[in-house]
Amino acid sequence: MQSLTPEPVVKLAPEIQHLTNRVKMVAYQAECELVRTISPHYRRVAEED
């Protein structure tokens, strides 16, 4: 398999990877909550799926 970049792949330490995954999960949850909050006030919410 050929790499897209010439730089070697850098693996994060498990603690950093865990923190990164948590931040992504919190951001996703915040986005979902925001959508639920504004959905009643947004006419075309059904078109956004």
PDB file of N, CA and C in Angstrom:
ATOM      1  N   MET A   1       0.838  -1.186   0.000  1.00  0.00           N
ATOM      2  CA  MET A   1       0.000   0.000   0.000  1.00  0.00           C
ATOM      3  C   MET A   1       0.881   1.246   0.000  1.00  0.00           C
ATOM      4  N   GLN A   2       0.564   2.169  -0.856  1.00  0.00           N
ATOM      5  CA  GLN A   2       1.377   3.373  -0.996  1.00  0.00           C
ATOM      6  C   GLN A   2       0.821   4.490  -0.127  1.00  0.00           C
ATOM      7  N   SER A   3       1.712   5.214   0.530  1.00  0.00           N
ATOM      8  CA  SER A   3       1.315   6.324   1.394  1.00  0.00           C
ATOM      9  C   SER A   3       1.052   7.569   0.550  1.00  0.00           C
ATOM     10  N   LEU A   4       0.121   8.393   1.008  1.00  0.00           N
ATOM     11  CA  LEU A   4      -0.196   9.631   0.303  1.00  0.00           C
ATOM     12  C   LEU A   4       0.850  10.710   0.548  1.00  0.00           C
ATOM     13  N   THR A   5       1.522  10.642   1.683  1.00  0.00           N
ATOM     14  CA  THR A   5       2.556  11.618   2.010  1.00  0.00           C
ATOM     15  C   THR A   5       3.871  10.890   2.267  1.00  0.00           C
ATOM     16  N   PRO A   6       4.969  11.556   2.017  1.00  0.00           N
ATOM     17  CA  PRO A   6       6.265  10.903   2.233  1.00  0.00           C
ATOM     18  C   PRO A   6       6.635  10.786   3.714  1.00  0.00           C
ATOM     19  N   GLU A   7       5.966  11.551   4.606  1.00  0.00           N
ATOM     20  CA  GLU A   7       6.278  11.502   6.031  1.00  0.00           C
ATOM     21  C   GLU A   7       5.783  10.184   6.633  1.00  0.00           C
ATOM     22  N   PRO A   8       6.483   9.700   7.625  1.00  0.00           N
ATOM     23  CA  PRO A   8       6.032   8.468   8.287  1.00  0.00           C
ATOM     24  C   PRO A   8       4.758   8.742   9.110  1.00  0.00           C
ATOM     25  N   VAL A   9       3.982   7.703   9.319  1.00  0.00           N
ATOM     26  CA  VAL A   9       2.764   7.819  10.110  1.00  0.00           C
ATOM     27  C   VAL A   9       3.154   7.944  11.572  1.00  0.00           C
ATOM     28  N   VAL A  10       2.561   8.920  12.250  1.00  0.00           N
ATOM     29  CA  VAL A  10       2.853   9.134  13.666  1.00  0.00           C
ATOM     30  C   VAL A  10       1.672   8.623  14.478  1.00  0.00           C
ATOM     31  N   LYS A  11       1.928   7.684  15.374  1.00  0.00           N
ATOM     32  CA  LYS A  11       0.878   7.166  16.255  1.00  0.00           C
ATOM     33  C   LYS A  11       0.889   7.966  17.544  1.00  0.00           C
ATOM     34  N   LEU A  12      -0.300   8.337  17.986  1.00  0.00           N
ATOM     35  CA  LEU A  12      -0.410   9.064  19.234  1.00  0.00           C
ATOM     36  C   LEU A  12      -0.280   8.111  20.424  1.00  0.00           C
ATOM     37  N   ALA A  13       0.198   8.639  21.524  1.00  0.00           N
ATOM     38  CA  ALA A  13       0.242   7.858  22.750  1.00  0.00           C
ATOM     39  C   ALA A  13      -1.191   7.515  23.132  1.00  0.00           C
ATOM     40  N   PRO A  14      -1.421   6.380  23.776  1.00  0.00           N
ATOM     41  CA  PRO A  14      -2.786   5.974  24.114  1.00  0.00           C
ATOM     42  C   PRO A  14      -3.561   7.033  24.906  1.00  0.00           C
ATOM     43  N   GLU A  15      -2.897   7.736  25.807  1.00  0.00           N
ATOM     44  CA  GLU A  15      -3.571   8.760  26.597  1.00  0.00           C
ATOM     45  C   GLU A  15      -4.032   9.914  25.710  1.00  0.00           C
ATOM     46  N   ILE A  16      -3.200  10.303  24.788  1.00  0.00           N
ATOM     47  CA  ILE A  16      -3.541  11.406  23.876  1.00  0.00           C
ATOM     48  C   ILE A  16      -4.662  10.965  22.939  1.00  0.00           C
ATOM     49  N   GLN A  17      -4.601   9.732  22.450  1.00  0.00           N
ATOM     50  CA  GLN A  17      -5.648   9.210  21.573  1.00  0.00           C
ATOM     51  C   GLN A  17      -6.982   9.167  22.319  1.00  0.00           C
ATOM     52  N   HIS A  18      -6.958   8.748  23.563  1.00  0.00           N
ATOM     53  CA  HIS A  18      -8.175   8.691  24.378  1.00  0.00           C
ATOM     54  C   HIS A  18      -8.755  10.097  24.547  1.00  0.00           C
ATOM     55  N   LEU A  19      -7.923  11.066  24.856  1.00  0.00           N
ATOM     56  CA  LEU A  19      -8.366  12.453  25.008  1.00  0.00           C
ATOM     57  C   LEU A  19      -8.935  12.986  23.698  1.00  0.00           C
ATOM     58  N   THR A  20      -8.266  12.700  22.604  1.00  0.00           N
ATOM     59  CA  THR A  20      -8.738  13.133  21.285  1.00  0.00           C
ATOM     60  C   THR A  20     -10.108  12.535  20.987  1.00  0.00           C
ATOM     61  N   ASN A  21     -10.286  11.256  21.272  1.00  0.00           N
ATOM     62  CA  ASN A  21     -11.576  10.612  21.040  1.00  0.00           C
ATOM     63  C   ASN A  21     -12.665  11.227  21.913  1.00  0.00           C
ATOM     64  N   ARG A  22     -12.343  11.543  23.153  1.00  0.00           N
ATOM     65  CA  ARG A  22     -13.324  12.181  24.050  1.00  0.00           C
ATOM     66  C   ARG A  22     -13.749  13.551  23.523  1.00  0.00           C
ATOM     67  N   VAL A  23     -12.788  14.329  23.063  1.00  0.00           N
ATOM     68  CA  VAL A  23     -13.101  15.659  22.526  1.00  0.00           C
ATOM     69  C   VAL A  23     -14.015  15.529  21.310  1.00  0.00           C
ATOM     70  N   LYS A  24     -13.737  14.566  20.448  1.00  0.00           N
ATOM     71  CA  LYS A  24     -14.594  14.345  19.276  1.00  0.00           C
ATOM     72  C   LYS A  24     -16.007  13.948  19.696  1.00  0.00           C
ATOM     73  N   MET A  25     -16.122  13.089  20.716  1.00  0.00           N
ATOM     74  CA  MET A  25     -17.434  12.654  21.176  1.00  0.00           C
ATOM     75  C   MET A  25     -18.224  13.814  21.778  1.00  0.00           C
ATOM     76  N   VAL A  26     -17.565  14.652  22.564  1.00  0.00           N
ATOM     77  CA  VAL A  26     -18.238  15.802  23.166  1.00  0.00           C
ATOM     78  C   VAL A  26     -18.679  16.783  22.085  1.00  0.00           C
ATOM     79  N   ALA A  27     -17.848  16.999  21.085  1.00  0.00           N
ATOM     80  CA  ALA A  27     -18.215  17.895  19.991  1.00  0.00           C
ATOM     81  C   ALA A  27     -19.421  17.352  19.227  1.00  0.00           C
ATOM     82  N   TYR A  28     -19.450  16.048  18.990  1.00  0.00           N
ATOM     83  CA  TYR A  28     -20.582  15.430  18.292  1.00  0.00           C
ATOM     84  C   TYR A  28     -21.856  15.569  19.117  1.00  0.00           C
ATOM     85  N   GLN A  29     -21.752  15.320  20.425  1.00  0.00           N
ATOM     86  CA  GLN A  29     -22.921  15.449  21.297  1.00  0.00           C
ATOM     87  C   GLN A  29     -23.420  16.886  21.338  1.00  0.00           C
ATOM     88  N   ALA A  30     -22.517  17.850  21.370  1.00  0.00           N
ATOM     89  CA  ALA A  30     -22.907  19.256  21.379  1.00  0.00           C
ATOM     90  C   ALA A  30     -23.610  19.624  20.074  1.00  0.00           C
ATOM     91  N   GLU A  31     -23.093  19.118  18.959  1.00  0.00           N
ATOM     92  CA  GLU A  31     -23.713  19.383  17.662  1.00  0.00           C
ATOM     93  C   GLU A  31     -25.121  18.802  17.607  1.00  0.00           C
ATOM     94  N   CYS A  32     -25.286  17.578  18.082  1.00  0.00           N
ATOM     95  CA  CYS A  32     -26.609  16.942  18.084  1.00  0.00           C
ATOM     96  C   CYS A  32     -27.585  17.704  18.969  1.00  0.00           C
ATOM     97  N   GLU A  33     -27.132  18.141  20.123  1.00  0.00           N
ATOM     98  CA  GLU A  33     -27.999  18.899  21.031  1.00  0.00           C
ATOM     99  C   GLU A  33     -28.385  20.239  20.416  1.00  0.00           C
ATOM    100  N   LEU A  34     -27.463  20.877  19.738  1.00  0.00           N
ATOM    101  CA  LEU A  34     -27.769  22.138  19.064  1.00  0.00           C
ATOM    102  C   LEU A  34     -28.826  21.936  17.989  1.00  0.00           C
ATOM    103  N   VAL A  35     -28.713  20.869  17.219  1.00  0.00           N
ATOM    104  CA  VAL A  35     -29.705  20.570  16.187  1.00  0.00           C
ATOM    105  C   VAL A  35     -31.069  20.327  16.819  1.00  0.00           C
ATOM    106  N   ARG A  36     -31.105  19.561  17.909  1.00  0.00           N
ATOM    107  CA  ARG A  36     -32.386  19.324  18.601  1.00  0.00           C
ATOM    108  C   ARG A  36     -32.980  20.625  19.130  1.00  0.00           C
ATOM    109  N   THR A  37     -32.128  21.523  19.578  1.00  0.00           N
ATOM    110  CA  THR A  37     -32.594  22.783  20.153  1.00  0.00           C
ATOM    111  C   THR A  37     -33.177  23.712  19.092  1.00  0.00           C
ATOM    112  N   ILE A  38     -32.529  23.792  17.941  1.00  0.00           N
ATOM    113  CA  ILE A  38     -33.004  24.741  16.925  1.00  0.00           C
ATOM    114  C   ILE A  38     -33.978  24.130  15.926  1.00  0.00           C
ATOM    115  N   SER A  39     -34.128  22.820  15.927  1.00  0.00           N
ATOM    116  CA  SER A  39     -35.010  22.163  14.954  1.00  0.00           C
ATOM    117  C   SER A  39     -36.423  22.730  14.922  1.00  0.00           C
ATOM    118  N   PRO A  40     -37.069  22.981  16.052  1.00  0.00           N
ATOM    119  CA  PRO A  40     -38.433  23.520  15.994  1.00  0.00           C
ATOM    120  C   PRO A  40     -38.516  24.906  15.349  1.00  0.00           C
ATOM    121  N   HIS A  41     -37.416  25.615  15.277  1.00  0.00           N
ATOM    122  CA  HIS A  41     -37.403  26.981  14.737  1.00  0.00           C
ATOM    123  C   HIS A  41     -36.853  27.052  13.316  1.00  0.00           C
ATOM    124  N   TYR A  42     -36.573  25.890  12.745  1.00  0.00           N
ATOM    125  CA  TYR A  42     -35.940  25.835  11.425  1.00  0.00           C
ATOM    126  C   TYR A  42     -36.879  25.128  10.465  1.00  0.00           C
ATOM    127  N   ARG A  43     -37.351  25.845   9.480  1.00  0.00           N
ATOM    128  CA  ARG A  43     -38.369  25.329   8.564  1.00  0.00           C
ATOM    129  C   ARG A  43     -37.936  24.083   7.793  1.00  0.00           C
ATOM    130  N   ARG A  44     -36.721  24.066   7.318  1.00  0.00           N
ATOM    131  CA  ARG A  44     -36.287  22.998   6.420  1.00  0.00           C
ATOM    132  C   ARG A  44     -35.444  21.943   7.115  1.00  0.00           C
ATOM    133  N   VAL A  45     -35.706  21.670   8.372  1.00  0.00           N
ATOM    134  CA  VAL A  45     -34.898  20.708   9.112  1.00  0.00           C
ATOM    135  C   VAL A  45     -34.961  19.309   8.492  1.00  0.00           C
ATOM    136  N   ALA A  46     -36.082  18.948   7.923  1.00  0.00           N
ATOM    137  CA  ALA A  46     -36.220  17.618   7.308  1.00  0.00           C
ATOM    138  C   ALA A  46     -35.325  17.474   6.083  1.00  0.00           C
ATOM    139  N   GLU A  47     -35.020  18.561   5.410  1.00  0.00           N
ATOM    140  CA  GLU A  47     -34.159  18.520   4.213  1.00  0.00           C
ATOM    141  C   GLU A  47     -32.680  18.347   4.559  1.00  0.00           C
ATOM    142  N   GLU A  48     -32.319  18.570   5.803  1.00  0.00           N
ATOM    143  CA  GLU A  48     -30.915  18.553   6.201  1.00  0.00           C
ATOM    144  C   GLU A  48     -30.399  17.162   6.537  1.00  0.00           C
ATOM    145  N   ASP A  49     -31.238  16.147   6.571  1.00  0.00           N
ATOM    146  CA  ASP A  49     -30.793  14.793   6.906  1.00  0.00           C
ATOM    147  C   ASP A  49     -29.992  14.164   5.852  1.00  0.00           C
TER     148      ASP A  49
END
